[in-house]
């Protein structure tokens, strides 16, 4: 349970960092919206992402794992679709947001492994 909370907080921080750095990625509201978006992204990564990875396993093998980046892009796109206070204005903003969220979540996953 603590790891899931760390994952939610990691997603919220990652979305905030992406908001600060990436033009075209907007989250309207306060810290509550970041936590809600972090929760929804954590649930998407827990429930939808494994199914997509199983379905696209041949593509992941063919691209030597690079197709997982496309799956991460899809997770953020679904978040943008589901949540009204998150807006991604362009494909470039979506790609850069995915890169930043992946890097920040890598840091938080290292913290979660020590807990």
PDB file of N, CA and C in Angstrom:
ATOM      1  N   UNK A   1       0.810  -1.192   0.000  1.00  0.00           N
ATOM      2  CA  UNK A   1       0.000   0.000   0.000  1.00  0.00           C
ATOM      3  C   UNK A   1       0.859   1.263   0.000  1.00  0.00           C
ATOM      4  N   UNK A   2       1.968   1.217   0.755  1.00  0.00           N
ATOM      5  CA  UNK A   2       2.864   2.362   0.812  1.00  0.00           C
ATOM      6  C   UNK A   2       3.507   2.615  -0.550  1.00  0.00           C
ATOM      7  N   UNK A   3       3.823   1.557  -1.270  1.00  0.00           N
ATOM      8  CA  UNK A   3       4.397   1.716  -2.612  1.00  0.00           C
ATOM      9  C   UNK A   3       3.414   2.380  -3.571  1.00  0.00           C
ATOM     10  N   UNK A   4       2.133   2.042  -3.434  1.00  0.00           N
ATOM     11  CA  UNK A   4       1.126   2.660  -4.292  1.00  0.00           C
ATOM     12  C   UNK A   4       0.988   4.148  -3.970  1.00  0.00           C
ATOM     13  N   UNK A   5       1.069   4.510  -2.709  1.00  0.00           N
ATOM     14  CA  UNK A   5       1.009   5.917  -2.313  1.00  0.00           C
ATOM     15  C   UNK A   5       2.231   6.660  -2.843  1.00  0.00           C
ATOM     16  N   UNK A   6       3.396   6.023  -2.768  1.00  0.00           N
ATOM     17  CA  UNK A   6       4.609   6.632  -3.320  1.00  0.00           C
ATOM     18  C   UNK A   6       4.470   6.797  -4.830  1.00  0.00           C
ATOM     19  N   UNK A   7       3.849   5.835  -5.484  1.00  0.00           N
ATOM     20  CA  UNK A   7       3.631   5.929  -6.927  1.00  0.00           C
ATOM     21  C   UNK A   7       2.691   7.081  -7.270  1.00  0.00           C
ATOM     22  N   UNK A   8       1.642   7.265  -6.486  1.00  0.00           N
ATOM     23  CA  UNK A   8       0.716   8.386  -6.705  1.00  0.00           C
ATOM     24  C   UNK A   8       1.445   9.712  -6.524  1.00  0.00           C
ATOM     25  N   UNK A   9       2.198   9.828  -5.439  1.00  0.00           N
ATOM     26  CA  UNK A   9       2.953  11.057  -5.190  1.00  0.00           C
ATOM     27  C   UNK A   9       3.992  11.294  -6.283  1.00  0.00           C
ATOM     28  N   UNK A  10       4.631  10.222  -6.733  1.00  0.00           N
ATOM     29  CA  UNK A  10       5.602  10.340  -7.821  1.00  0.00           C
ATOM     30  C   UNK A  10       4.964  10.840  -9.100  1.00  0.00           C
ATOM     31  N   UNK A  11       3.788  10.314  -9.413  1.00  0.00           N
ATOM     32  CA  UNK A  11       3.078  10.780 -10.604  1.00  0.00           C
ATOM     33  C   UNK A  11       2.675  12.247 -10.460  1.00  0.00           C
ATOM     34  N   UNK A  12       2.207  12.635  -9.280  1.00  0.00           N
ATOM     35  CA  UNK A  12       1.804  14.026  -9.064  1.00  0.00           C
ATOM     36  C   UNK A  12       3.000  14.960  -9.212  1.00  0.00           C
ATOM     37  N   UNK A  13       4.132  14.586  -8.624  1.00  0.00           N
ATOM     38  CA  UNK A  13       5.339  15.411  -8.748  1.00  0.00           C
ATOM     39  C   UNK A  13       5.820  15.443 -10.196  1.00  0.00           C
ATOM     40  N   UNK A  14       5.767  14.311 -10.870  1.00  0.00           N
ATOM     41  CA  UNK A  14       6.190  14.250 -12.266  1.00  0.00           C
ATOM     42  C   UNK A  14       5.321  15.139 -13.150  1.00  0.00           C
ATOM     43  N   UNK A  15       4.024  15.129 -12.911  1.00  0.00           N
ATOM     44  CA  UNK A  15       3.135  15.987 -13.685  1.00  0.00           C
ATOM     45  C   UNK A  15       3.396  17.460 -13.388  1.00  0.00           C
ATOM     46  N   UNK A  16       3.728  17.780 -12.142  1.00  0.00           N
ATOM     47  CA  UNK A  16       4.040  19.162 -11.798  1.00  0.00           C
ATOM     48  C   UNK A  16       5.336  19.611 -12.466  1.00  0.00           C
ATOM     49  N   UNK A  17       6.346  18.759 -12.449  1.00  0.00           N
ATOM     50  CA  UNK A  17       7.612  19.092 -13.112  1.00  0.00           C
ATOM     51  C   UNK A  17       7.392  19.270 -14.612  1.00  0.00           C
ATOM     52  N   UNK A  18       6.606  18.394 -15.207  1.00  0.00           N
ATOM     53  CA  UNK A  18       6.299  18.525 -16.631  1.00  0.00           C
ATOM     54  C   UNK A  18       5.542  19.818 -16.906  1.00  0.00           C
ATOM     55  N   UNK A  19       4.636  20.197 -16.009  1.00  0.00           N
ATOM     56  CA  UNK A  19       3.900  21.455 -16.161  1.00  0.00           C
ATOM     57  C   UNK A  19       4.855  22.637 -16.146  1.00  0.00           C
ATOM     58  N   UNK A  20       5.877  22.577 -15.287  1.00  0.00           N
ATOM     59  CA  UNK A  20       6.834  23.679 -15.193  1.00  0.00           C
ATOM     60  C   UNK A  20       7.749  23.757 -16.413  1.00  0.00           C
ATOM     61  N   UNK A  21       8.083  22.624 -17.003  1.00  0.00           N
ATOM     62  CA  UNK A  21       9.099  22.589 -18.057  1.00  0.00           C
ATOM     63  C   UNK A  21       8.505  22.611 -19.461  1.00  0.00           C
ATOM     64  N   UNK A  22       7.427  21.882 -19.689  1.00  0.00           N
ATOM     65  CA  UNK A  22       6.926  21.658 -21.048  1.00  0.00           C
ATOM     66  C   UNK A  22       5.858  22.690 -21.409  1.00  0.00           C
ATOM     67  N   UNK A  23       6.133  23.510 -22.418  1.00  0.00           N
ATOM     68  CA  UNK A  23       5.057  24.379 -22.901  1.00  0.00           C
ATOM     69  C   UNK A  23       4.041  23.531 -23.676  1.00  0.00           C
ATOM     70  N   UNK A  24       2.789  23.766 -23.426  1.00  0.00           N
ATOM     71  CA  UNK A  24       1.753  22.980 -24.087  1.00  0.00           C
ATOM     72  C   UNK A  24       1.182  21.889 -23.207  1.00  0.00           C
ATOM     73  N   UNK A  25       1.746  21.695 -22.023  1.00  0.00           N
ATOM     74  CA  UNK A  25       1.181  20.758 -21.047  1.00  0.00           C
ATOM     75  C   UNK A  25       0.643  21.590 -19.893  1.00  0.00           C
ATOM     76  N   UNK A  26      -0.661  21.530 -19.692  1.00  0.00           N
ATOM     77  CA  UNK A  26      -1.304  22.378 -18.697  1.00  0.00           C
ATOM     78  C   UNK A  26      -2.112  21.541 -17.719  1.00  0.00           C
ATOM     79  N   UNK A  27      -1.989  21.894 -16.449  1.00  0.00           N
ATOM     80  CA  UNK A  27      -2.849  21.329 -15.410  1.00  0.00           C
ATOM     81  C   UNK A  27      -3.454  22.517 -14.687  1.00  0.00           C
ATOM     82  N   UNK A  28      -4.755  22.682 -14.826  1.00  0.00           N
ATOM     83  CA  UNK A  28      -5.415  23.818 -14.186  1.00  0.00           C
ATOM     84  C   UNK A  28      -5.907  23.393 -12.808  1.00  0.00           C
ATOM     85  N   UNK A  29      -5.605  24.208 -11.845  1.00  0.00           N
ATOM     86  CA  UNK A  29      -6.036  23.905 -10.490  1.00  0.00           C
ATOM     87  C   UNK A  29      -4.866  23.908  -9.526  1.00  0.00           C
ATOM     88  N   UNK A  30      -5.110  23.376  -8.353  1.00  0.00           N
ATOM     89  CA  UNK A  30      -4.101  23.372  -7.302  1.00  0.00           C
ATOM     90  C   UNK A  30      -3.517  21.981  -7.116  1.00  0.00           C
ATOM     91  N   UNK A  31      -2.898  21.766  -5.984  1.00  0.00           N
ATOM     92  CA  UNK A  31      -2.210  20.504  -5.733  1.00  0.00           C
ATOM     93  C   UNK A  31      -3.176  19.324  -5.674  1.00  0.00           C
ATOM     94  N   UNK A  32      -4.450  19.582  -5.366  1.00  0.00           N
ATOM     95  CA  UNK A  32      -5.423  18.490  -5.346  1.00  0.00           C
ATOM     96  C   UNK A  32      -5.590  17.881  -6.742  1.00  0.00           C
ATOM     97  N   UNK A  33      -5.576  18.728  -7.763  1.00  0.00           N
ATOM     98  CA  UNK A  33      -5.701  18.229  -9.126  1.00  0.00           C
ATOM     99  C   UNK A  33      -4.490  17.384  -9.512  1.00  0.00           C
ATOM    100  N   UNK A  34      -3.312  17.775  -9.045  1.00  0.00           N
ATOM    101  CA  UNK A  34      -2.124  16.969  -9.324  1.00  0.00           C
ATOM    102  C   UNK A  34      -2.222  15.599  -8.654  1.00  0.00           C
ATOM    103  N   UNK A  35      -2.742  15.572  -7.424  1.00  0.00           N
ATOM    104  CA  UNK A  35      -2.914  14.287  -6.732  1.00  0.00           C
ATOM    105  C   UNK A  35      -3.969  13.422  -7.415  1.00  0.00           C
ATOM    106  N   UNK A  36      -5.063  14.036  -7.857  1.00  0.00           N
ATOM    107  CA  UNK A  36      -6.102  13.273  -8.565  1.00  0.00           C
ATOM    108  C   UNK A  36      -5.548  12.729  -9.876  1.00  0.00           C
ATOM    109  N   UNK A  37      -4.834  13.570 -10.614  1.00  0.00           N
ATOM    110  CA  UNK A  37      -4.237  13.116 -11.875  1.00  0.00           C
ATOM    111  C   UNK A  37      -3.184  12.039 -11.619  1.00  0.00           C
ATOM    112  N   UNK A  38      -2.419  12.186 -10.526  1.00  0.00           N
ATOM    113  CA  UNK A  38      -1.440  11.163 -10.166  1.00  0.00           C
ATOM    114  C   UNK A  38      -2.101   9.844  -9.814  1.00  0.00           C
ATOM    115  N   UNK A  39      -3.231   9.912  -9.112  1.00  0.00           N
ATOM    116  CA  UNK A  39      -3.984   8.696  -8.777  1.00  0.00           C
ATOM    117  C   UNK A  39      -4.520   8.020 -10.037  1.00  0.00           C
ATOM    118  N   UNK A  40      -5.100   8.799 -10.927  1.00  0.00           N
ATOM    119  CA  UNK A  40      -5.655   8.218 -12.152  1.00  0.00           C
ATOM    120  C   UNK A  40      -4.547   7.627 -13.019  1.00  0.00           C
ATOM    121  N   UNK A  41      -3.417   8.323 -13.105  1.00  0.00           N
ATOM    122  CA  UNK A  41      -2.292   7.791 -13.887  1.00  0.00           C
ATOM    123  C   UNK A  41      -1.742   6.512 -13.258  1.00  0.00           C
ATOM    124  N   UNK A  42      -1.678   6.463 -11.933  1.00  0.00           N
ATOM    125  CA  UNK A  42      -1.226   5.244 -11.250  1.00  0.00           C
ATOM    126  C   UNK A  42      -2.186   4.088 -11.509  1.00  0.00           C
ATOM    127  N   UNK A  43      -3.488   4.359 -11.484  1.00  0.00           N
ATOM    128  CA  UNK A  43      -4.470   3.306 -11.771  1.00  0.00           C
ATOM    129  C   UNK A  43      -4.378   2.842 -13.225  1.00  0.00           C
ATOM    130  N   UNK A  44      -4.186   3.787 -14.138  1.00  0.00           N
ATOM    131  CA  UNK A  44      -4.007   3.407 -15.542  1.00  0.00           C
ATOM    132  C   UNK A  44      -2.769   2.534 -15.718  1.00  0.00           C
ATOM    133  N   UNK A  45      -1.680   2.932 -15.055  1.00  0.00           N
ATOM    134  CA  UNK A  45      -0.450   2.149 -15.170  1.00  0.00           C
ATOM    135  C   UNK A  45      -0.572   0.784 -14.507  1.00  0.00           C
ATOM    136  N   UNK A  46      -1.444   0.681 -13.514  1.00  0.00           N
ATOM    137  CA  UNK A  46      -1.617  -0.592 -12.822  1.00  0.00           C
ATOM    138  C   UNK A  46      -2.593  -1.516 -13.550  1.00  0.00           C
ATOM    139  N   UNK A  47      -3.614  -0.953 -14.186  1.00  0.00           N
ATOM    140  CA  UNK A  47      -4.664  -1.775 -14.774  1.00  0.00           C
ATOM    141  C   UNK A  47      -4.577  -1.900 -16.296  1.00  0.00           C
ATOM    142  N   UNK A  48      -4.354  -0.806 -16.990  1.00  0.00           N
ATOM    143  CA  UNK A  48      -4.407  -0.805 -18.454  1.00  0.00           C
ATOM    144  C   UNK A  48      -3.050  -1.137 -19.075  1.00  0.00           C
ATOM    145  N   UNK A  49      -1.986  -0.583 -18.500  1.00  0.00           N
ATOM    146  CA  UNK A  49      -0.651  -0.750 -19.076  1.00  0.00           C
ATOM    147  C   UNK A  49      -0.222  -2.218 -19.206  1.00  0.00           C
ATOM    148  N   UNK A  50      -0.441  -3.070 -18.199  1.00  0.00           N
ATOM    149  CA  UNK A  50      -0.054  -4.475 -18.374  1.00  0.00           C
ATOM    150  C   UNK A  50      -0.798  -5.171 -19.510  1.00  0.00           C
ATOM    151  N   UNK A  51      -2.057  -4.839 -19.692  1.00  0.00           N
ATOM    152  CA  UNK A  51      -2.830  -5.441 -20.788  1.00  0.00           C
ATOM    153  C   UNK A  51      -2.244  -5.004 -22.128  1.00  0.00           C
ATOM    154  N   UNK A  52      -1.934  -3.719 -22.245  1.00  0.00           N
ATOM    155  CA  UNK A  52      -1.332  -3.232 -23.491  1.00  0.00           C
ATOM    156  C   UNK A  52       0.037  -3.847 -23.743  1.00  0.00           C
ATOM    157  N   UNK A  53       0.787  -4.080 -22.694  1.00  0.00           N
ATOM    158  CA  UNK A  53       2.113  -4.696 -22.861  1.00  0.00           C
ATOM    159  C   UNK A  53       1.991  -6.148 -23.327  1.00  0.00           C
ATOM    160  N   UNK A  54       0.999  -6.858 -22.824  1.00  0.00           N
ATOM    161  CA  UNK A  54       0.796  -8.241 -23.265  1.00  0.00           C
ATOM    162  C   UNK A  54       0.343  -8.275 -24.720  1.00  0.00           C
ATOM    163  N   UNK A  55      -0.588  -7.388 -25.057  1.00  0.00           N
ATOM    164  CA  UNK A  55      -1.092  -7.349 -26.434  1.00  0.00           C
ATOM    165  C   UNK A  55       0.012  -6.965 -27.413  1.00  0.00           C
ATOM    166  N   UNK A  56       0.850  -6.019 -27.031  1.00  0.00           N
ATOM    167  CA  UNK A  56       1.878  -5.526 -27.948  1.00  0.00           C
ATOM    168  C   UNK A  56       3.241  -6.184 -27.729  1.00  0.00           C
ATOM    169  N   UNK A  57       3.279  -7.310 -27.077  1.00  0.00           N
ATOM    170  CA  UNK A  57       4.543  -7.992 -26.803  1.00  0.00           C
ATOM    171  C   UNK A  57       5.392  -8.230 -28.053  1.00  0.00           C
ATOM    172  N   UNK A  58       4.812  -8.661 -29.172  1.00  0.00           N
ATOM    173  CA  UNK A  58       5.650  -8.826 -30.370  1.00  0.00           C
ATOM    174  C   UNK A  58       6.299  -7.517 -30.833  1.00  0.00           C
ATOM    175  N   UNK A  59       5.561  -6.412 -30.746  1.00  0.00           N
ATOM    176  CA  UNK A  59       6.140  -5.125 -31.130  1.00  0.00           C
ATOM    177  C   UNK A  59       7.226  -4.681 -30.158  1.00  0.00           C
ATOM    178  N   UNK A  60       7.031  -4.979 -28.885  1.00  0.00           N
ATOM    179  CA  UNK A  60       8.058  -4.642 -27.897  1.00  0.00           C
ATOM    180  C   UNK A  60       9.334  -5.423 -28.187  1.00  0.00           C
ATOM    181  N   UNK A  61       9.194  -6.694 -28.513  1.00  0.00           N
ATOM    182  CA  UNK A  61      10.371  -7.494 -28.871  1.00  0.00           C
ATOM    183  C   UNK A  61      11.028  -6.999 -30.157  1.00  0.00           C
ATOM    184  N   UNK A  62      10.206  -6.697 -31.138  1.00  0.00           N
ATOM    185  CA  UNK A  62      10.722  -6.255 -32.437  1.00  0.00           C
ATOM    186  C   UNK A  62      11.492  -4.942 -32.333  1.00  0.00           C
ATOM    187  N   UNK A  63      11.025  -4.046 -31.467  1.00  0.00           N
ATOM    188  CA  UNK A  63      11.686  -2.746 -31.318  1.00  0.00           C
ATOM    189  C   UNK A  63      12.665  -2.723 -30.142  1.00  0.00           C
ATOM    190  N   UNK A  64      12.955  -3.873 -29.586  1.00  0.00           N
ATOM    191  CA  UNK A  64      13.877  -4.005 -28.456  1.00  0.00           C
ATOM    192  C   UNK A  64      13.461  -3.148 -27.253  1.00  0.00           C
ATOM    193  N   UNK A  65      12.166  -3.101 -27.009  1.00  0.00           N
ATOM    194  CA  UNK A  65      11.630  -2.408 -25.845  1.00  0.00           C
ATOM    195  C   UNK A  65      11.221  -0.966 -26.068  1.00  0.00           C
ATOM    196  N   UNK A  66      11.526  -0.407 -27.218  1.00  0.00           N
ATOM    197  CA  UNK A  66      11.189   0.996 -27.454  1.00  0.00           C
ATOM    198  C   UNK A  66       9.688   1.241 -27.595  1.00  0.00           C
ATOM    199  N   UNK A  67       8.930   0.202 -27.904  1.00  0.00           N
ATOM    200  CA  UNK A  67       7.476   0.374 -28.027  1.00  0.00           C
ATOM    201  C   UNK A  67       6.832   0.663 -26.675  1.00  0.00           C
ATOM    202  N   UNK A  68       7.513   0.366 -25.585  1.00  0.00           N
ATOM    203  CA  UNK A  68       6.966   0.711 -24.272  1.00  0.00           C
ATOM    204  C   UNK A  68       6.856   2.224 -24.110  1.00  0.00           C
ATOM    205  N   UNK A  69       7.700   2.971 -24.812  1.00  0.00           N
ATOM    206  CA  UNK A  69       7.588   4.434 -24.808  1.00  0.00           C
ATOM    207  C   UNK A  69       6.269   4.863 -25.435  1.00  0.00           C
ATOM    208  N   UNK A  70       5.857   4.178 -26.497  1.00  0.00           N
ATOM    209  CA  UNK A  70       4.574   4.458 -27.134  1.00  0.00           C
ATOM    210  C   UNK A  70       3.424   4.142 -26.166  1.00  0.00           C
ATOM    211  N   UNK A  71       3.572   3.083 -25.397  1.00  0.00           N
ATOM    212  CA  UNK A  71       2.553   2.736 -24.404  1.00  0.00           C
ATOM    213  C   UNK A  71       2.477   3.822 -23.331  1.00  0.00           C
ATOM    214  N   UNK A  72       3.632   4.349 -22.918  1.00  0.00           N
ATOM    215  CA  UNK A  72       3.635   5.447 -21.941  1.00  0.00           C
ATOM    216  C   UNK A  72       2.970   6.695 -22.512  1.00  0.00           C
ATOM    217  N   UNK A  73       3.216   6.976 -23.790  1.00  0.00           N
ATOM    218  CA  UNK A  73       2.545   8.099 -24.447  1.00  0.00           C
ATOM    219  C   UNK A  73       1.034   7.877 -24.431  1.00  0.00           C
ATOM    220  N   UNK A  74       0.623   6.667 -24.708  1.00  0.00           N
ATOM    221  CA  UNK A  74      -0.802   6.352 -24.716  1.00  0.00           C
ATOM    222  C   UNK A  74      -1.425   6.524 -23.335  1.00  0.00           C
ATOM    223  N   UNK A  75      -0.689   6.186 -22.276  1.00  0.00           N
ATOM    224  CA  UNK A  75      -1.215   6.356 -20.916  1.00  0.00           C
ATOM    225  C   UNK A  75      -1.466   7.831 -20.615  1.00  0.00           C
ATOM    226  N   UNK A  76      -0.547   8.706 -21.003  1.00  0.00           N
ATOM    227  CA  UNK A  76      -0.758  10.129 -20.778  1.00  0.00           C
ATOM    228  C   UNK A  76      -1.870  10.687 -21.657  1.00  0.00           C
ATOM    229  N   UNK A  77      -1.997  10.164 -22.857  1.00  0.00           N
ATOM    230  CA  UNK A  77      -3.071  10.604 -23.734  1.00  0.00           C
ATOM    231  C   UNK A  77      -4.429  10.207 -23.150  1.00  0.00           C
ATOM    232  N   UNK A  78      -4.521   9.009 -22.592  1.00  0.00           N
ATOM    233  CA  UNK A  78      -5.763   8.574 -21.939  1.00  0.00           C
ATOM    234  C   UNK A  78      -6.049   9.450 -20.723  1.00  0.00           C
ATOM    235  N   UNK A  79      -5.006   9.805 -19.960  1.00  0.00           N
ATOM    236  CA  UNK A  79      -5.181  10.710 -18.822  1.00  0.00           C
ATOM    237  C   UNK A  79      -5.742  12.052 -19.292  1.00  0.00           C
ATOM    238  N   UNK A  80      -5.219  12.573 -20.381  1.00  0.00           N
ATOM    239  CA  UNK A  80      -5.715  13.826 -20.939  1.00  0.00           C
ATOM    240  C   UNK A  80      -7.175  13.695 -21.352  1.00  0.00           C
ATOM    241  N   UNK A  81      -7.544  12.551 -21.881  1.00  0.00           N
ATOM    242  CA  UNK A  81      -8.918  12.316 -22.316  1.00  0.00           C
ATOM    243  C   UNK A  81      -9.879  12.190 -21.124  1.00  0.00           C
ATOM    244  N   UNK A  82      -9.429  11.535 -20.062  1.00  0.00           N
ATOM    245  CA  UNK A  82     -10.307  11.267 -18.915  1.00  0.00           C
ATOM    246  C   UNK A  82     -10.475  12.450 -17.977  1.00  0.00           C
ATOM    247  N   UNK A  83      -9.440  13.251 -17.833  1.00  0.00           N
ATOM    248  CA  UNK A  83      -9.429  14.299 -16.820  1.00  0.00           C
ATOM    249  C   UNK A  83      -9.541  15.661 -17.509  1.00  0.00           C
ATOM    250  N   UNK A  84     -10.536  16.435 -17.099  1.00  0.00           N
ATOM    251  CA  UNK A  84     -10.791  17.706 -17.785  1.00  0.00           C
ATOM    252  C   UNK A  84      -9.775  18.785 -17.440  1.00  0.00           C
ATOM    253  N   UNK A  85      -9.105  18.700 -16.295  1.00  0.00           N
ATOM    254  CA  UNK A  85      -8.178  19.750 -15.909  1.00  0.00           C
ATOM    255  C   UNK A  85      -6.751  19.501 -16.380  1.00  0.00           C
ATOM    256  N   UNK A  86      -6.517  18.438 -17.127  1.00  0.00           N
ATOM    257  CA  UNK A  86      -5.230  18.181 -17.759  1.00  0.00           C
ATOM    258  C   UNK A  86      -5.395  18.401 -19.259  1.00  0.00           C
ATOM    259  N   UNK A  87      -4.507  19.220 -19.835  1.00  0.00           N
ATOM    260  CA  UNK A  87      -4.584  19.499 -21.266  1.00  0.00           C
ATOM    261  C   UNK A  87      -3.200  19.363 -21.888  1.00  0.00           C
ATOM    262  N   UNK A  88      -3.136  18.572 -22.933  1.00  0.00           N
ATOM    263  CA  UNK A  88      -1.907  18.430 -23.711  1.00  0.00           C
ATOM    264  C   UNK A  88      -2.217  18.973 -25.095  1.00  0.00           C
ATOM    265  N   UNK A  89      -1.527  20.053 -25.464  1.00  0.00           N
ATOM    266  CA  UNK A  89      -1.913  20.800 -26.646  1.00  0.00           C
ATOM    267  C   UNK A  89      -1.320  20.290 -27.952  1.00  0.00           C
ATOM    268  N   UNK A  90      -0.223  19.535 -27.906  1.00  0.00           N
ATOM    269  CA  UNK A  90       0.403  19.083 -29.148  1.00  0.00           C
ATOM    270  C   UNK A  90       1.099  17.743 -28.928  1.00  0.00           C
ATOM    271  N   UNK A  91       1.469  17.123 -30.031  1.00  0.00           N
ATOM    272  CA  UNK A  91       2.185  15.855 -29.961  1.00  0.00           C
ATOM    273  C   UNK A  91       3.573  16.033 -29.348  1.00  0.00           C
ATOM    274  N   UNK A  92       4.224  17.140 -29.664  1.00  0.00           N
ATOM    275  CA  UNK A  92       5.549  17.416 -29.091  1.00  0.00           C
ATOM    276  C   UNK A  92       5.445  17.566 -27.574  1.00  0.00           C
ATOM    277  N   UNK A  93       4.420  18.268 -27.108  1.00  0.00           N
ATOM    278  CA  UNK A  93       4.213  18.411 -25.663  1.00  0.00           C
ATOM    279  C   UNK A  93       3.945  17.053 -25.021  1.00  0.00           C
ATOM    280  N   UNK A  94       3.196  16.197 -25.711  1.00  0.00           N
ATOM    281  CA  UNK A  94       2.914  14.855 -25.197  1.00  0.00           C
ATOM    282  C   UNK A  94       4.194  14.028 -25.089  1.00  0.00           C
ATOM    283  N   UNK A  95       5.041  14.107 -26.094  1.00  0.00           N
ATOM    284  CA  UNK A  95       6.305  13.348 -26.081  1.00  0.00           C
ATOM    285  C   UNK A  95       7.215  13.840 -24.966  1.00  0.00           C
ATOM    286  N   UNK A  96       7.393  15.156 -24.839  1.00  0.00           N
ATOM    287  CA  UNK A  96       8.267  15.692 -23.794  1.00  0.00           C
ATOM    288  C   UNK A  96       7.702  15.432 -22.401  1.00  0.00           C
ATOM    289  N   UNK A  97       6.399  15.512 -22.258  1.00  0.00           N
ATOM    290  CA  UNK A  97       5.783  15.199 -20.973  1.00  0.00           C
ATOM    291  C   UNK A  97       6.022  13.741 -20.606  1.00  0.00           C
ATOM    292  N   UNK A  98       5.916  12.846 -21.582  1.00  0.00           N
ATOM    293  CA  UNK A  98       6.177  11.430 -21.331  1.00  0.00           C
ATOM    294  C   UNK A  98       7.611  11.204 -20.895  1.00  0.00           C
ATOM    295  N   UNK A  99       8.547  11.875 -21.527  1.00  0.00           N
ATOM    296  CA  UNK A  99       9.960  11.734 -21.154  1.00  0.00           C
ATOM    297  C   UNK A  99      10.187  12.203 -19.721  1.00  0.00           C
ATOM    298  N   UNK A 100       9.644  13.355 -19.387  1.00  0.00           N
ATOM    299  CA  UNK A 100       9.846  13.902 -18.038  1.00  0.00           C
ATOM    300  C   UNK A 100       9.166  13.039 -16.984  1.00  0.00           C
ATOM    301  N   UNK A 101       7.935  12.606 -17.258  1.00  0.00           N
ATOM    302  CA  UNK A 101       7.223  11.755 -16.302  1.00  0.00           C
ATOM    303  C   UNK A 101       7.972  10.430 -16.115  1.00  0.00           C
ATOM    304  N   UNK A 102       8.524   9.895 -17.172  1.00  0.00           N
ATOM    305  CA  UNK A 102       9.286   8.641 -17.069  1.00  0.00           C
ATOM    306  C   UNK A 102      10.530   8.821 -16.219  1.00  0.00           C
ATOM    307  N   UNK A 103      11.244   9.920 -16.403  1.00  0.00           N
ATOM    308  CA  UNK A 103      12.469  10.160 -15.626  1.00  0.00           C
ATOM    309  C   UNK A 103      12.155  10.362 -14.151  1.00  0.00           C
ATOM    310  N   UNK A 104      11.157  11.180 -13.854  1.00  0.00           N
ATOM    311  CA  UNK A 104      10.800  11.430 -12.454  1.00  0.00           C
ATOM    312  C   UNK A 104      10.271  10.157 -11.805  1.00  0.00           C
ATOM    313  N   UNK A 105       9.464   9.381 -12.531  1.00  0.00           N
ATOM    314  CA  UNK A 105       8.957   8.127 -11.972  1.00  0.00           C
ATOM    315  C   UNK A 105      10.056   7.090 -11.772  1.00  0.00           C
ATOM    316  N   UNK A 106      11.103   7.142 -12.572  1.00  0.00           N
ATOM    317  CA  UNK A 106      12.242   6.259 -12.354  1.00  0.00           C
ATOM    318  C   UNK A 106      12.878   6.545 -10.999  1.00  0.00           C
ATOM    319  N   UNK A 107      13.013   7.815 -10.682  1.00  0.00           N
ATOM    320  CA  UNK A 107      13.551   8.212  -9.386  1.00  0.00           C
ATOM    321  C   UNK A 107      12.656   7.734  -8.245  1.00  0.00           C
ATOM    322  N   UNK A 108      11.339   7.932  -8.377  1.00  0.00           N
ATOM    323  CA  UNK A 108      10.413   7.519  -7.324  1.00  0.00           C
ATOM    324  C   UNK A 108      10.297   5.993  -7.221  1.00  0.00           C
ATOM    325  N   UNK A 109      10.481   5.287  -8.324  1.00  0.00           N
ATOM    326  CA  UNK A 109      10.448   3.818  -8.232  1.00  0.00           C
ATOM    327  C   UNK A 109      11.678   3.297  -7.495  1.00  0.00           C
ATOM    328  N   UNK A 110      12.805   3.986  -7.609  1.00  0.00           N
ATOM    329  CA  UNK A 110      13.975   3.590  -6.830  1.00  0.00           C
ATOM    330  C   UNK A 110      13.721   3.804  -5.351  1.00  0.00           C
ATOM    331  N   UNK A 111      13.003   4.876  -5.004  1.00  0.00           N
ATOM    332  CA  UNK A 111      12.648   5.115  -3.592  1.00  0.00           C
ATOM    333  C   UNK A 111      11.677   4.044  -3.112  1.00  0.00           C
ATOM    334  N   UNK A 112      10.700   3.693  -3.945  1.00  0.00           N
ATOM    335  CA  UNK A 112       9.683   2.702  -3.547  1.00  0.00           C
ATOM    336  C   UNK A 112      10.300   1.330  -3.333  1.00  0.00           C
ATOM    337  N   UNK A 113      11.350   1.000  -4.067  1.00  0.00           N
ATOM    338  CA  UNK A 113      11.995  -0.299  -3.893  1.00  0.00           C
ATOM    339  C   UNK A 113      12.720  -0.404  -2.557  1.00  0.00           C
ATOM    340  N   UNK A 114      13.167   0.727  -2.020  1.00  0.00           N
ATOM    341  CA  UNK A 114      13.857   0.677  -0.736  1.00  0.00           C
ATOM    342  C   UNK A 114      12.891   0.585   0.434  1.00  0.00           C
ATOM    343  N   UNK A 115      11.624   0.893   0.194  1.00  0.00           N
ATOM    344  CA  UNK A 115      10.622   0.858   1.282  1.00  0.00           C
ATOM    345  C   UNK A 115      10.110  -0.555   1.456  1.00  0.00           C
TER     346      UNK A 115
END
